[in-house]
N, C-alpha and C. Protein backbone atom coordinates (compact mmCIF):
# COMPACT_ATOMS: atom_id res chain seq x y z
N UNK A 1 129.46 97.88 72.75
CA UNK A 1 129.18 96.26 73.77
C UNK A 1 128.27 97.72 74.33
N UNK A 2 127.04 97.83 74.79
CA UNK A 2 125.91 98.84 75.23
C UNK A 2 126.71 98.80 76.54
N UNK A 3 126.25 99.93 77.86
CA UNK A 3 126.77 99.75 79.33
C UNK A 3 125.54 99.95 79.89
N UNK A 4 125.72 98.99 80.48
CA UNK A 4 124.05 98.61 81.77
C UNK A 4 123.52 99.71 82.38
N UNK A 5 122.28 100.17 82.09
CA UNK A 5 121.24 100.86 82.89
C UNK A 5 122.27 101.13 84.23
N UNK A 6 122.02 102.18 84.61
CA UNK A 6 122.20 102.57 86.16
C UNK A 6 120.66 102.90 86.93
N UNK A 7 119.84 102.58 86.13
CA UNK A 7 118.46 102.86 86.78
C UNK A 7 118.21 101.26 87.68
N UNK A 8 117.29 101.49 89.10
CA UNK A 8 117.26 100.26 89.96
C UNK A 8 115.48 100.59 89.36
N UNK A 9 114.98 99.75 88.84
CA UNK A 9 113.45 99.85 88.06
C UNK A 9 112.55 98.60 89.18
N UNK A 10 111.81 98.76 89.54
CA UNK A 10 110.88 97.63 90.41
C UNK A 10 109.46 97.76 90.47
N UNK A 11 108.72 96.49 90.07
CA UNK A 11 107.33 96.81 89.73
C UNK A 11 106.76 96.45 90.92
N UNK A 12 106.10 97.49 92.16
CA UNK A 12 105.87 97.76 93.27
C UNK A 12 104.52 98.22 92.57
N UNK A 13 103.29 97.58 92.88
CA UNK A 13 101.50 97.59 92.49
C UNK A 13 101.26 99.27 93.10
N UNK A 14 100.50 100.19 92.69
CA UNK A 14 100.43 100.98 93.30
C UNK A 14 98.79 100.76 94.39
N UNK A 15 97.85 101.62 94.30
CA UNK A 15 96.46 100.84 95.05
C UNK A 15 95.65 100.72 94.31
N UNK A 16 95.84 101.56 92.99
CA UNK A 16 94.25 101.03 92.13
C UNK A 16 94.74 99.82 91.39
N UNK A 17 95.57 99.40 91.71
CA UNK A 17 96.44 98.18 90.70
C UNK A 17 95.47 96.58 91.37
N UNK A 18 95.98 97.31 93.31
CA UNK A 18 95.73 95.99 94.28
C UNK A 18 94.24 96.00 94.48
N UNK A 19 93.45 97.85 94.19
CA UNK A 19 92.13 97.36 94.51
C UNK A 19 91.33 96.74 93.04
N UNK A 20 92.18 96.52 92.04
CA UNK A 20 91.94 95.79 89.97
C UNK A 20 92.04 94.04 91.57
N UNK A 21 92.58 93.73 92.58
CA UNK A 21 92.67 92.56 92.33
C UNK A 21 91.84 92.18 93.10
N UNK A 22 91.61 92.80 93.88
CA UNK A 22 90.55 93.04 95.89
C UNK A 22 88.88 92.29 95.06
N UNK A 23 88.22 93.35 93.31
CA UNK A 23 87.31 93.23 92.70
C UNK A 23 86.94 92.22 92.71
N UNK A 24 87.07 91.05 92.73
CA UNK A 24 86.93 89.87 92.97
C UNK A 24 87.02 89.06 94.15
N UNK A 25 87.66 89.46 95.21
CA UNK A 25 86.84 89.38 96.47
C UNK A 25 86.17 89.17 97.04
N UNK A 26 85.08 88.56 98.21
CA UNK A 26 83.69 88.87 98.72
C UNK A 26 83.89 90.21 99.60
N UNK A 27 83.05 91.04 100.07
CA UNK A 27 83.01 92.26 101.07
C UNK A 27 81.94 91.54 101.80
N UNK A 28 82.94 91.96 103.22
CA UNK A 28 81.77 91.64 104.73
C UNK A 28 81.88 92.66 105.32
N UNK A 29 80.65 93.20 105.89
CA UNK A 29 80.29 94.68 106.60
C UNK A 29 79.85 93.50 107.98
N UNK A 30 81.10 95.23 108.97
CA UNK A 30 81.16 94.61 110.39
C UNK A 30 80.50 95.73 110.73
N UNK A 31 80.01 95.83 111.93
CA UNK A 31 79.41 96.60 112.97
C UNK A 31 80.74 97.28 113.69
N UNK A 32 80.05 98.46 114.93
CA UNK A 32 80.83 98.66 115.60
C UNK A 32 80.85 97.38 116.57
N UNK A 33 82.03 97.74 117.21
CA UNK A 33 82.09 97.13 118.43
C UNK A 33 82.18 96.20 118.31
N UNK A 34 81.87 94.97 116.65
CA UNK A 34 82.80 94.27 116.34
C UNK A 34 84.20 93.53 116.88
N UNK A 35 84.80 92.73 116.81
CA UNK A 35 86.04 92.49 116.72
C UNK A 35 86.21 91.03 115.31
N UNK A 36 86.83 92.08 114.28
CA UNK A 36 87.36 91.47 113.38
C UNK A 36 88.45 90.05 113.40
N UNK A 37 89.32 90.65 113.74
CA UNK A 37 90.37 90.22 113.85
C UNK A 37 91.01 89.63 115.21
N UNK A 38 90.82 88.75 116.59
CA UNK A 38 91.44 87.94 117.90
C UNK A 38 92.77 87.81 117.92
N UNK A 39 93.18 88.70 119.18
CA UNK A 39 94.08 88.46 119.26
C UNK A 39 94.48 87.25 119.43
N UNK A 40 95.89 86.04 119.10
CA UNK A 40 96.00 84.94 119.88
C UNK A 40 95.69 83.94 118.96
N UNK A 41 94.65 84.56 117.59
CA UNK A 41 94.04 83.30 117.24
C UNK A 41 94.91 83.21 115.68
N UNK A 42 94.46 82.58 114.95
CA UNK A 42 95.24 82.48 113.71
C UNK A 42 93.73 82.17 112.44
N UNK A 43 93.36 82.81 111.47
CA UNK A 43 93.02 83.01 110.71
C UNK A 43 93.27 82.71 109.24
N UNK A 44 94.46 82.44 108.91
CA UNK A 44 95.30 82.43 107.48
C UNK A 44 93.74 83.63 106.96
N UNK A 45 94.12 85.05 107.39
CA UNK A 45 92.75 85.43 106.25
C UNK A 45 93.76 86.90 106.22
N UNK A 46 93.40 87.13 104.95
CA UNK A 46 93.75 89.34 104.93
C UNK A 46 92.41 89.47 104.98
N UNK A 47 92.43 90.65 105.98
CA UNK A 47 90.94 91.50 105.18
C UNK A 47 91.24 92.75 104.98
N UNK A 48 90.98 93.53 103.96
CA UNK A 48 91.79 94.40 103.31
C UNK A 48 90.44 95.69 103.37
N UNK A 49 90.65 96.61 104.15
CA UNK A 49 89.26 97.99 104.60
C UNK A 49 89.31 98.16 103.38
N UNK A 50 87.74 97.69 102.95
CA UNK A 50 87.29 99.36 101.94
C UNK A 50 86.78 100.52 102.29
N UNK A 51 85.57 100.48 103.20
CA UNK A 51 84.84 102.47 104.03
C UNK A 51 85.44 101.42 105.84
N UNK A 52 85.24 102.08 106.52
CA UNK A 52 85.44 102.33 107.22
C UNK A 52 85.86 102.96 108.56
N UNK A 53 86.25 102.71 109.82
CA UNK A 53 86.59 103.04 111.02
C UNK A 53 87.52 101.81 112.24
N UNK A 54 88.42 101.64 112.17
CA UNK A 54 88.81 100.58 112.90
C UNK A 54 90.38 100.58 114.32
N UNK A 55 89.46 100.14 115.04
CA UNK A 55 90.93 100.52 115.67
C UNK A 55 91.47 98.93 116.10
N UNK A 56 93.20 99.29 115.95
CA UNK A 56 93.91 98.08 116.91
C UNK A 56 94.21 98.90 118.48
N UNK A 57 93.47 97.49 119.08
CA UNK A 57 93.91 96.74 120.34
C UNK A 57 94.62 95.61 120.92
N UNK A 58 95.83 96.63 121.78
CA UNK A 58 96.65 95.26 122.55
C UNK A 58 95.96 95.41 123.70
N UNK A 59 96.31 94.46 124.92
CA UNK A 59 95.76 94.62 125.91
C UNK A 59 94.66 95.45 126.67
N UNK A 60 93.62 95.56 126.37
CA UNK A 60 92.91 96.29 126.32
C UNK A 60 93.32 97.98 126.05
N UNK A 61 94.74 98.39 125.72
CA UNK A 61 94.50 99.44 124.66
C UNK A 61 94.61 99.14 123.67
N UNK A 62 94.29 100.71 123.39
CA UNK A 62 93.91 101.20 121.47
C UNK A 62 95.20 101.60 121.74
N UNK A 63 96.16 101.12 120.42
CA UNK A 63 97.80 102.01 120.22
C UNK A 63 97.34 101.84 118.39
N UNK A 64 96.11 102.36 117.68
CA UNK A 64 95.97 103.33 116.54
C UNK A 64 94.84 102.61 116.03
N UNK A 65 94.40 103.72 114.60
CA UNK A 65 93.01 104.36 114.47
C UNK A 65 93.19 103.74 113.04
N UNK A 66 92.21 102.82 113.14
CA UNK A 66 93.15 103.18 110.74
C UNK A 66 91.53 103.22 110.16
N UNK A 67 91.41 104.23 108.74
CA UNK A 67 90.18 104.35 108.20
C UNK A 67 90.89 104.74 106.89
N UNK A 68 91.73 104.14 107.13
CA UNK A 68 92.78 104.21 105.54
C UNK A 68 92.10 102.72 104.60
N UNK A 69 90.74 103.18 103.24
CA UNK A 69 90.85 102.56 102.56
C UNK A 69 91.94 101.87 101.93
N UNK A 70 91.71 100.48 101.74
CA UNK A 70 93.01 99.91 101.25
C UNK A 70 94.10 99.23 102.04
N UNK A 71 93.52 99.67 103.80
CA UNK A 71 95.08 99.46 104.60
C UNK A 71 94.44 97.77 104.84
N UNK A 72 95.33 97.17 105.09
CA UNK A 72 95.20 95.49 105.78
C UNK A 72 95.55 94.56 106.37
N UNK A 73 94.89 93.86 106.93
CA UNK A 73 94.68 93.26 108.34
C UNK A 73 95.28 92.26 108.77
N UNK A 74 96.10 91.91 109.56
CA UNK A 74 96.55 89.83 109.10
C UNK A 74 97.52 89.57 108.69
N UNK A 75 98.38 90.18 108.17
CA UNK A 75 99.38 90.62 107.08
C UNK A 75 99.91 89.55 107.49
N UNK A 76 100.56 90.00 108.90
CA UNK A 76 101.86 90.15 109.65
C UNK A 76 101.89 87.92 110.48
N UNK A 77 100.61 88.12 110.76
CA UNK A 77 99.99 86.66 111.12
C UNK A 77 100.27 85.54 109.75
N UNK A 78 99.50 85.41 108.60
CA UNK A 78 99.89 85.11 107.54
C UNK A 78 101.43 84.86 107.58
N UNK A 79 102.29 86.15 107.35
CA UNK A 79 103.69 86.14 107.03
C UNK A 79 104.46 85.39 107.85
N UNK A 80 104.31 85.28 109.04
CA UNK A 80 105.23 84.78 110.11
C UNK A 80 104.34 83.60 110.53
N UNK A 81 102.98 83.78 109.72
CA UNK A 81 103.68 82.30 110.42
C UNK A 81 102.76 81.94 111.84
N UNK A 82 101.45 83.08 112.68
CA UNK A 82 101.82 82.95 113.48
C UNK A 82 100.66 83.50 114.36
N UNK A 83 100.59 83.61 115.54
CA UNK A 83 98.55 83.93 116.11
C UNK A 83 98.84 85.78 115.91
N UNK A 84 97.53 86.48 115.83
CA UNK A 84 97.76 87.76 115.35
C UNK A 84 97.95 87.89 117.07
N UNK A 85 98.73 89.40 116.80
CA UNK A 85 99.09 89.68 117.89
C UNK A 85 98.41 90.70 118.29
N UNK A 86 97.15 91.03 117.98
CA UNK A 86 96.59 92.36 118.89
C UNK A 86 94.56 92.49 118.60
N UNK A 87 93.66 91.98 118.69
CA UNK A 87 92.59 92.80 118.57
C UNK A 87 92.51 94.16 117.21
N UNK A 88 91.95 93.79 116.09
CA UNK A 88 91.07 94.61 115.95
C UNK A 88 89.75 94.63 115.00
N UNK A 89 88.79 96.01 116.31
CA UNK A 89 87.84 96.61 116.64
C UNK A 89 87.27 97.30 115.74
N UNK A 90 85.95 97.11 114.95
CA UNK A 90 85.63 98.30 114.58
C UNK A 90 84.92 99.49 115.43
N UNK A 91 84.60 100.70 114.96
CA UNK A 91 84.25 101.00 115.32
C UNK A 91 83.29 102.15 115.32
N UNK A 92 83.34 101.66 113.57
CA UNK A 92 81.96 102.13 112.42
C UNK A 92 81.88 101.67 112.04
N UNK A 93 80.30 100.96 110.69
CA UNK A 93 80.32 100.16 110.26
C UNK A 93 81.00 100.50 109.40
N UNK A 94 82.37 99.28 109.04
CA UNK A 94 83.30 99.14 108.17
C UNK A 94 82.56 97.96 107.08
N UNK A 95 83.36 98.20 105.82
CA UNK A 95 83.55 96.94 104.85
C UNK A 95 84.88 96.07 104.84
N UNK A 96 85.27 95.09 104.65
CA UNK A 96 86.12 94.48 104.26
C UNK A 96 86.10 94.08 102.79
N UNK A 97 87.37 93.48 101.69
CA UNK A 97 87.66 92.71 101.80
C UNK A 97 87.91 91.42 101.98
N UNK A 98 87.23 90.67 101.98
CA UNK A 98 88.27 89.28 102.72
C UNK A 98 88.89 88.32 101.77
N UNK A 99 90.27 88.16 102.21
CA UNK A 99 91.43 87.17 101.78
C UNK A 99 91.28 85.51 101.86
N UNK A 100 91.67 84.32 101.96
CA UNK A 100 92.82 83.33 102.14
C UNK A 100 93.49 84.24 102.16
N UNK A 101 94.67 83.84 102.63
CA UNK A 101 96.21 84.64 102.00
C UNK A 101 96.64 83.56 100.99
N UNK A 102 96.98 82.66 102.11
CA UNK A 102 97.29 81.93 101.34
C UNK A 102 97.07 81.78 99.61
N UNK A 103 95.94 81.67 99.39
CA UNK A 103 95.00 81.65 97.93
C UNK A 103 95.63 82.99 96.53
N UNK A 104 95.26 84.15 97.67
CA UNK A 104 95.33 85.38 97.35
C UNK A 104 97.32 85.52 96.94
N UNK A 105 98.10 85.46 97.89
CA UNK A 105 99.40 85.71 97.09
C UNK A 105 99.85 84.89 96.30
N UNK A 106 99.60 83.17 96.15
CA UNK A 106 99.42 82.35 94.72
C UNK A 106 99.11 82.73 93.69
N UNK A 107 97.77 83.04 93.86
CA UNK A 107 97.13 83.35 92.83
C UNK A 107 97.77 85.28 91.51
N UNK A 108 97.53 85.94 92.99
CA UNK A 108 98.67 87.13 92.96
C UNK A 108 99.30 87.97 93.50
N UNK A 109 100.26 87.48 92.45
CA UNK A 109 102.15 87.89 93.45
C UNK A 109 101.90 89.67 93.59
N UNK A 110 101.14 90.28 93.26
CA UNK A 110 100.63 91.82 92.46
C UNK A 110 100.63 91.92 94.07
N UNK A 111 99.42 91.12 94.96
CA UNK A 111 99.05 91.58 96.24
C UNK A 111 100.50 91.43 97.56
N UNK A 112 101.30 89.78 96.97
CA UNK A 112 102.55 89.93 98.31
C UNK A 112 103.44 91.70 97.68
N UNK A 113 104.26 92.02 96.77
CA UNK A 113 104.14 93.25 96.52
C UNK A 113 103.44 94.03 97.20
N UNK A 114 102.39 93.99 97.53
CA UNK A 114 101.67 95.50 98.07
C UNK A 114 102.29 95.32 99.66
N UNK A 115 101.52 93.75 100.12
CA UNK A 115 101.41 94.28 101.42
C UNK A 115 102.89 94.37 101.44
N UNK A 116 104.41 94.13 101.18
CA UNK A 116 105.00 93.97 101.71
C UNK A 116 105.59 95.59 101.23
N UNK A 117 104.99 96.44 100.26
CA UNK A 117 105.03 97.81 100.22
C UNK A 117 104.79 98.35 101.45
N UNK A 118 103.20 97.81 102.51
CA UNK A 118 102.72 98.90 103.14
C UNK A 118 103.51 98.39 104.32
N UNK A 119 104.08 97.12 104.62
CA UNK A 119 105.04 96.96 105.76
C UNK A 119 106.44 97.65 106.00
N UNK A 120 106.48 97.49 104.53
CA UNK A 120 108.21 98.70 104.48
C UNK A 120 107.80 100.27 104.27
N UNK A 121 106.84 100.73 104.59
CA UNK A 121 106.45 102.22 104.61
C UNK A 121 106.15 102.19 106.29
N UNK A 122 105.56 101.16 106.40
CA UNK A 122 105.58 101.24 108.71
C UNK A 122 106.39 101.33 108.83
N UNK A 123 107.94 99.89 108.79
CA UNK A 123 108.90 100.02 109.09
C UNK A 123 109.42 101.53 108.65
N UNK A 124 109.97 101.99 107.78
CA UNK A 124 110.94 103.50 107.17
C UNK A 124 109.63 103.84 108.22
N UNK A 125 108.55 104.25 108.50
CA UNK A 125 107.91 105.79 109.18
C UNK A 125 108.20 105.23 110.95
N UNK A 126 108.23 103.43 110.88
CA UNK A 126 108.90 103.75 112.35
C UNK A 126 110.74 103.71 113.18
N UNK A 127 111.60 103.22 112.02
CA UNK A 127 112.95 103.73 111.87
C UNK A 127 113.22 105.42 111.95
N UNK A 128 111.61 105.94 111.38
CA UNK A 128 112.02 108.12 111.46
C UNK A 128 111.99 108.74 112.96
N UNK A 129 110.91 107.54 113.60
CA UNK A 129 110.81 107.77 114.77
C UNK A 129 111.23 107.80 115.47
N UNK A 130 111.67 106.34 115.46
CA UNK A 130 112.64 105.88 116.66
C UNK A 130 113.87 107.07 116.27
N UNK A 131 114.69 107.40 115.72
CA UNK A 131 115.54 108.60 115.42
C UNK A 131 114.93 109.77 116.17
N UNK A 132 114.12 109.65 115.75
CA UNK A 132 113.70 111.06 116.11
C UNK A 132 113.06 111.66 117.86
N UNK A 133 112.69 109.84 118.54
CA UNK A 133 112.63 109.56 119.77
C UNK A 133 113.88 109.77 120.26
N UNK A 134 114.63 109.39 119.73
CA UNK A 134 116.26 109.23 120.55
C UNK A 134 116.63 110.31 119.98
N UNK A 135 116.86 111.45 119.44
CA UNK A 135 117.25 113.02 120.03
C UNK A 135 116.34 113.48 120.25
N UNK A 136 115.31 113.11 120.50
CA UNK A 136 114.29 113.97 122.03
C UNK A 136 114.89 113.74 123.20
N UNK A 137 115.38 111.99 123.41
CA UNK A 137 115.52 111.32 124.85
C UNK A 137 116.85 112.52 124.80
N UNK A 138 118.01 112.73 123.88
CA UNK A 138 119.22 113.24 124.06
C UNK A 138 119.39 114.85 124.39
N UNK A 139 118.26 115.27 123.92
CA UNK A 139 118.31 116.85 124.23
C UNK A 139 117.12 117.32 125.49
N UNK A 140 116.50 116.28 125.55
CA UNK A 140 115.86 116.42 127.53
C UNK A 140 114.39 117.41 126.88
N UNK A 141 114.03 116.32 125.60
CA UNK A 141 112.23 117.02 125.30
C UNK A 141 111.59 116.77 126.84
N UNK A 142 110.39 116.55 126.81
CA UNK A 142 109.29 117.03 127.99
C UNK A 142 108.50 115.85 127.00
N UNK A 143 108.13 115.56 129.29
CA UNK A 143 107.62 113.75 128.95
C UNK A 143 106.44 113.79 128.02
N UNK A 144 106.22 114.73 127.85
CA UNK A 144 105.04 115.01 126.44
C UNK A 144 105.02 114.45 125.43
N UNK A 145 105.77 115.36 124.88
CA UNK A 145 106.83 115.08 123.48
C UNK A 145 106.99 113.76 123.68
N UNK A 146 107.52 113.47 124.12
CA UNK A 146 108.36 111.37 124.34
C UNK A 146 107.26 110.81 124.16
N UNK A 147 106.30 110.67 124.95
CA UNK A 147 104.55 110.19 125.13
C UNK A 147 104.11 110.22 124.32
N UNK A 148 104.01 111.46 123.47
CA UNK A 148 103.33 111.85 121.94
C UNK A 148 104.13 110.42 121.07
N UNK A 149 105.84 110.72 120.89
CA UNK A 149 106.84 110.02 119.93
C UNK A 149 106.40 108.30 120.14
N UNK A 150 106.47 107.59 120.90
CA UNK A 150 106.19 107.42 121.68
C UNK A 150 104.96 106.17 120.88
N UNK A 151 104.18 107.09 121.27
CA UNK A 151 102.60 106.61 120.41
C UNK A 151 102.54 106.57 119.49
N UNK A 152 103.27 107.27 118.41
CA UNK A 152 103.76 107.30 117.40
C UNK A 152 104.31 106.26 116.76
N UNK A 153 105.29 105.49 117.11
CA UNK A 153 106.04 104.13 116.98
C UNK A 153 105.07 103.20 117.06
N UNK A 154 104.26 103.24 118.25
CA UNK A 154 103.18 102.09 118.58
C UNK A 154 102.15 102.05 117.36
N UNK A 155 101.79 103.03 117.24
CA UNK A 155 100.72 103.12 115.76
C UNK A 155 101.32 102.71 114.66
N UNK A 156 102.59 103.36 114.10
CA UNK A 156 103.09 102.38 113.36
C UNK A 156 103.59 101.04 113.01
N UNK A 157 103.94 100.89 113.95
CA UNK A 157 104.39 99.25 113.91
C UNK A 157 102.83 98.68 114.04
N UNK A 158 101.89 98.51 114.95
CA UNK A 158 100.62 97.98 114.81
C UNK A 158 99.52 98.19 113.52
N UNK A 159 99.58 99.57 112.92
CA UNK A 159 99.06 99.64 112.02
C UNK A 159 98.16 98.93 110.46
N UNK A 160 97.37 99.56 109.94
CA UNK A 160 97.48 98.37 108.69
C UNK A 160 97.22 99.48 107.77
N UNK A 161 97.09 101.07 107.99
CA UNK A 161 97.73 102.23 107.39
C UNK A 161 98.60 101.74 105.80
N UNK A 162 98.38 101.86 105.03
CA UNK A 162 99.41 102.07 103.88
C UNK A 162 100.23 103.09 103.83
N UNK A 163 99.76 104.16 103.84
CA UNK A 163 100.38 105.89 103.97
C UNK A 163 100.76 105.89 105.26
N UNK A 164 102.75 106.15 105.95
CA UNK A 164 102.86 107.04 107.01
C UNK A 164 103.49 108.25 106.42
N UNK A 165 102.71 109.61 107.37
CA UNK A 165 103.23 110.33 106.70
C UNK A 165 103.84 110.98 108.24
N UNK A 166 105.35 111.37 108.29
CA UNK A 166 106.04 112.07 108.63
C UNK A 166 105.61 113.33 109.48
């Protein structure tokens, strides 16, 4: 009788696989100053940054800038079936793949895994930053150091970035 494998295998799509899925989606170009996602609206769409630079804005406060190709926007609204929680404003001419989220997820399960992986990276980064913040508070770090960590946490939780650096 064979022994069960101790290996844990997971099929998480890489960026190249996701880019292949995106190849069939329409591309829309937005100009600086345009808002591609409006706080409080429900679009049912995913926007995937092809190239460009955008800002995530909440209550007129910029909480993150995103320029990473493959960054996904609108995923929380779709997955939680709630309105968008921030504006996404274009900082420089930007191109996005546009997808009806329901259709994309139904036709491409790998897209669901990709978005889940993006969210997991963001949550993991935020968890690490929260631990760092707690340590900074306990050791009496300067206000400016703590403020940078809080800003980083806000960015991690709001950003559409795929990869989070520690």
